[in-house]
Amino acid sequence: MVSIQDGDTAAFDELFLAMYPALCLLSNRIVGDESAAKDIVSEVFLQLWKTREFLHEVKSVNAYLYVATRNRSLNHLKKLKRNEKKVQLAYERQLEEKTYEDILQDVFNAEVVRMLHEAILTLPPECTKVVQLNIEGLSTNEIALQLGISPSAVSHQKARAIRLLRGKIVPGMALICLLLAD
């Protein structure tokens, strides 16, 4: 191991090729995820290479690699469990904080978006294109350039779309408000 300690990459590669499959098997047995196991073993070898100057303190590099792999695998499981708990706590907190009115508002918002999308699809094709590009965040000039029309034509199509959408959405909104009032 003196050669690895001195930075001999060929010796390191030889050790890697000899130990990698067995270490992956060990890690996979612990974490139950082949991809994560490969990442863990790669991290172990990376750490070994970074701290190679201290290899003279290690009696058995193979034993060191097995212990390091086991420890990293167990730490991986602990981290997953912590993250799982954080996600669960955030979800529970969100449920507790949501009032009935909040849920109704979410339903209302979702229904408005659905209705708006549905109404946009019923517009004349040129209006639909302009509105969809506008929703994507394109400016009037960008829309005009993309569609090969003048900026004033884009503005005209936007105004036309708004006029047509008002007639389709407002009656539907009144219906939604009545349904949610029950």
Protein backbone atom coordinates (compact mmCIF):
# COMPACT_ATOMS: atom_id res chain seq x y z
CA MET A 1 0.00 0.00 0.00
CA VAL A 2 3.05 2.22 0.12
CA SER A 3 2.69 2.72 -3.62
CA ILE A 4 -0.90 4.02 -3.27
CA GLN A 5 0.24 6.19 -0.41
CA ASP A 6 2.82 7.69 -2.79
CA GLY A 7 0.15 8.37 -5.44
CA ASP A 8 0.56 5.29 -7.65
CA THR A 9 -2.68 5.32 -9.66
CA ALA A 10 -2.01 1.90 -11.21
CA ALA A 11 -1.86 0.31 -7.75
CA PHE A 12 -5.01 2.17 -6.76
CA ASP A 13 -6.80 0.95 -9.91
CA GLU A 14 -5.72 -2.60 -9.13
CA LEU A 15 -7.10 -2.33 -5.59
CA PHE A 16 -10.32 -0.79 -6.94
CA LEU A 17 -10.84 -3.57 -9.49
CA ALA A 18 -10.14 -6.23 -6.88
CA MET A 19 -12.39 -4.84 -4.12
CA TYR A 20 -15.17 -2.94 -5.88
CA PRO A 21 -17.52 -5.89 -6.61
CA ALA A 22 -17.32 -7.27 -3.07
CA LEU A 23 -17.81 -3.84 -1.50
CA CYS A 24 -20.81 -3.15 -3.76
CA LEU A 25 -22.32 -6.46 -2.69
CA LEU A 26 -21.82 -5.58 0.98
CA SER A 27 -23.30 -2.11 0.58
CA ASN A 28 -26.22 -3.37 -1.47
CA ARG A 29 -27.03 -5.92 1.24
CA ILE A 30 -27.22 -3.06 3.74
CA VAL A 31 -29.00 -0.35 1.74
CA GLY A 32 -31.01 -2.53 -0.63
CA ASP A 33 -30.35 -0.24 -3.57
CA GLU A 34 -27.76 -1.24 -6.15
CA SER A 35 -27.31 2.26 -7.54
CA ALA A 36 -26.88 3.79 -4.09
CA ALA A 37 -24.47 0.98 -3.16
CA LYS A 38 -22.28 1.76 -6.18
CA ASP A 39 -22.27 5.45 -5.24
CA ILE A 40 -21.35 4.62 -1.66
CA VAL A 41 -18.44 2.37 -2.67
CA SER A 42 -17.21 5.01 -5.12
CA GLU A 43 -17.28 7.56 -2.30
CA VAL A 44 -15.29 5.18 -0.10
CA PHE A 45 -12.60 4.83 -2.76
CA LEU A 46 -12.59 8.57 -3.39
CA GLN A 47 -12.09 9.20 0.33
CA LEU A 48 -9.31 6.59 0.41
CA TRP A 49 -7.52 8.35 -2.44
CA LYS A 50 -7.93 11.79 -0.84
CA THR A 51 -6.50 10.56 2.47
CA ARG A 52 -3.92 8.13 1.01
CA GLU A 53 -1.04 9.77 2.86
CA PHE A 54 -2.43 8.30 6.09
CA LEU A 55 -2.50 4.72 4.77
CA HIS A 56 0.64 3.89 6.74
CA GLU A 57 -1.57 3.94 9.86
CA VAL A 58 -3.90 1.26 8.40
CA LYS A 59 -2.93 -2.35 9.10
CA SER A 60 -5.25 -3.89 6.49
CA VAL A 61 -6.56 -1.78 3.62
CA ASN A 62 -9.13 -4.47 2.76
CA ALA A 63 -10.51 -4.43 6.31
CA TYR A 64 -10.49 -0.62 6.24
CA LEU A 65 -12.50 -0.66 3.00
CA TYR A 66 -15.06 -3.11 4.38
CA VAL A 67 -15.54 -1.09 7.57
CA ALA A 68 -15.72 2.22 5.69
CA THR A 69 -18.27 0.77 3.26
CA ARG A 70 -20.38 -0.64 6.09
CA ASN A 71 -20.29 2.69 7.97
CA ARG A 72 -21.16 4.77 4.90
CA SER A 73 -23.99 2.39 4.05
CA LEU A 74 -25.43 2.66 7.55
CA ASN A 75 -25.07 6.45 7.44
CA HIS A 76 -26.90 6.44 4.12
CA LEU A 77 -29.82 4.60 5.72
CA LYS A 78 -29.86 7.03 8.65
CA LYS A 79 -29.91 9.97 6.26
CA LEU A 80 -32.79 8.44 4.29
CA LYS A 81 -34.73 7.89 7.49
CA ARG A 82 -34.11 11.51 8.61
CA ASN A 83 -35.24 12.83 5.23
CA GLU A 84 -38.30 10.60 5.31
CA LYS A 85 -39.20 11.94 8.76
CA LYS A 86 -38.71 15.55 7.58
CA VAL A 87 -40.99 14.98 4.60
CA GLN A 88 -43.60 13.31 6.80
CA LEU A 89 -43.46 16.15 9.35
CA ALA A 90 -43.76 18.80 6.64
CA TYR A 91 -46.74 16.97 5.17
CA GLU A 92 -48.42 16.66 8.57
CA ARG A 93 -47.73 20.33 9.33
CA GLN A 94 -49.22 21.33 5.99
CA LEU A 95 -52.34 19.25 6.68
CA GLU A 96 -52.73 20.81 10.12
CA GLU A 97 -52.32 24.33 8.77
CA LYS A 98 -54.82 23.86 5.94
CA THR A 99 -58.26 25.03 6.95
CA TYR A 100 -61.46 24.10 5.21
CA GLU A 101 -61.44 27.53 3.54
CA ASP A 102 -57.87 26.93 2.30
CA ILE A 103 -58.90 23.64 0.74
CA LEU A 104 -61.92 25.28 -0.89
CA GLN A 105 -59.65 28.01 -2.22
CA ASP A 106 -57.31 25.37 -3.68
CA VAL A 107 -60.26 23.66 -5.35
CA PHE A 108 -61.51 26.98 -6.65
CA ASN A 109 -58.08 27.90 -8.05
CA ALA A 110 -57.68 24.53 -9.72
CA GLU A 111 -61.14 24.81 -11.27
CA VAL A 112 -60.42 28.34 -12.54
CA VAL A 113 -57.21 27.15 -14.19
CA ARG A 114 -59.04 24.19 -15.73
CA MET A 115 -61.82 26.40 -17.05
CA LEU A 116 -59.38 28.95 -18.41
CA HIS A 117 -57.40 26.26 -20.21
CA GLU A 118 -60.60 24.78 -21.61
CA ALA A 119 -61.80 28.22 -22.75
CA ILE A 120 -58.45 29.04 -24.40
CA LEU A 121 -58.74 25.90 -26.49
CA THR A 122 -62.12 27.09 -27.83
CA LEU A 123 -60.70 30.39 -29.12
CA PRO A 124 -60.00 30.85 -32.82
CA PRO A 125 -56.64 29.24 -33.70
CA GLU A 126 -54.72 32.52 -34.11
CA CYS A 127 -55.97 33.75 -30.71
CA THR A 128 -55.11 30.43 -29.08
CA LYS A 129 -51.52 30.56 -30.39
CA VAL A 130 -51.02 34.12 -29.16
CA VAL A 131 -52.49 33.41 -25.71
CA GLN A 132 -50.47 30.20 -25.24
CA LEU A 133 -47.21 31.96 -26.19
CA ASN A 134 -48.12 34.83 -23.88
CA ILE A 135 -48.73 32.38 -21.00
CA GLU A 136 -45.30 30.85 -21.72
CA GLY A 137 -43.84 34.29 -21.00
CA LEU A 138 -43.06 35.58 -24.48
CA SER A 139 -43.35 39.31 -25.08
CA THR A 140 -45.53 40.83 -27.79
CA ASN A 141 -42.49 41.33 -30.03
CA GLU A 142 -41.27 37.76 -29.45
CA ILE A 143 -44.71 36.37 -30.28
CA ALA A 144 -44.88 38.51 -33.43
CA LEU A 145 -41.46 37.28 -34.52
CA GLN A 146 -42.29 33.63 -33.82
CA LEU A 147 -45.66 33.74 -35.61
CA GLY A 148 -44.46 35.99 -38.44
CA ILE A 149 -47.04 38.71 -37.78
CA SER A 150 -46.81 42.32 -36.67
CA PRO A 151 -46.77 43.33 -32.97
CA SER A 152 -50.02 45.23 -33.52
CA ALA A 153 -51.62 42.02 -34.84
CA VAL A 154 -50.46 40.24 -31.67
CA SER A 155 -51.98 43.01 -29.52
CA HIS A 156 -55.21 42.77 -31.52
CA GLN A 157 -55.36 38.97 -30.99
CA LYS A 158 -54.71 39.41 -27.24
CA ALA A 159 -57.54 41.94 -26.94
CA ARG A 160 -59.83 39.69 -28.97
CA ALA A 161 -58.93 36.70 -26.77
CA ILE A 162 -59.65 38.65 -23.57
CA ARG A 163 -63.02 39.78 -24.93
CA LEU A 164 -63.96 36.22 -25.91
CA LEU A 165 -62.67 34.70 -22.67
CA ARG A 166 -64.65 37.11 -20.50
CA GLY A 167 -67.86 35.82 -22.00
CA LYS A 168 -66.88 32.20 -21.40
CA ILE A 169 -65.27 32.33 -17.97
CA VAL A 170 -67.35 34.79 -15.97
CA PRO A 171 -70.60 32.75 -16.19
CA GLY A 172 -68.68 29.62 -15.22
CA MET A 173 -67.10 31.40 -12.25
CA ALA A 174 -70.53 32.32 -10.89
CA LEU A 175 -71.54 28.65 -11.10
CA ILE A 176 -68.40 27.56 -9.23
CA CYS A 177 -69.02 30.10 -6.48
CA LEU A 178 -72.58 28.81 -6.08
CA LEU A 179 -71.42 25.18 -5.94
CA LEU A 180 -68.72 25.93 -3.34
CA ALA A 181 -71.09 27.96 -1.17
CA ASP A 182 -73.00 24.81 -0.14
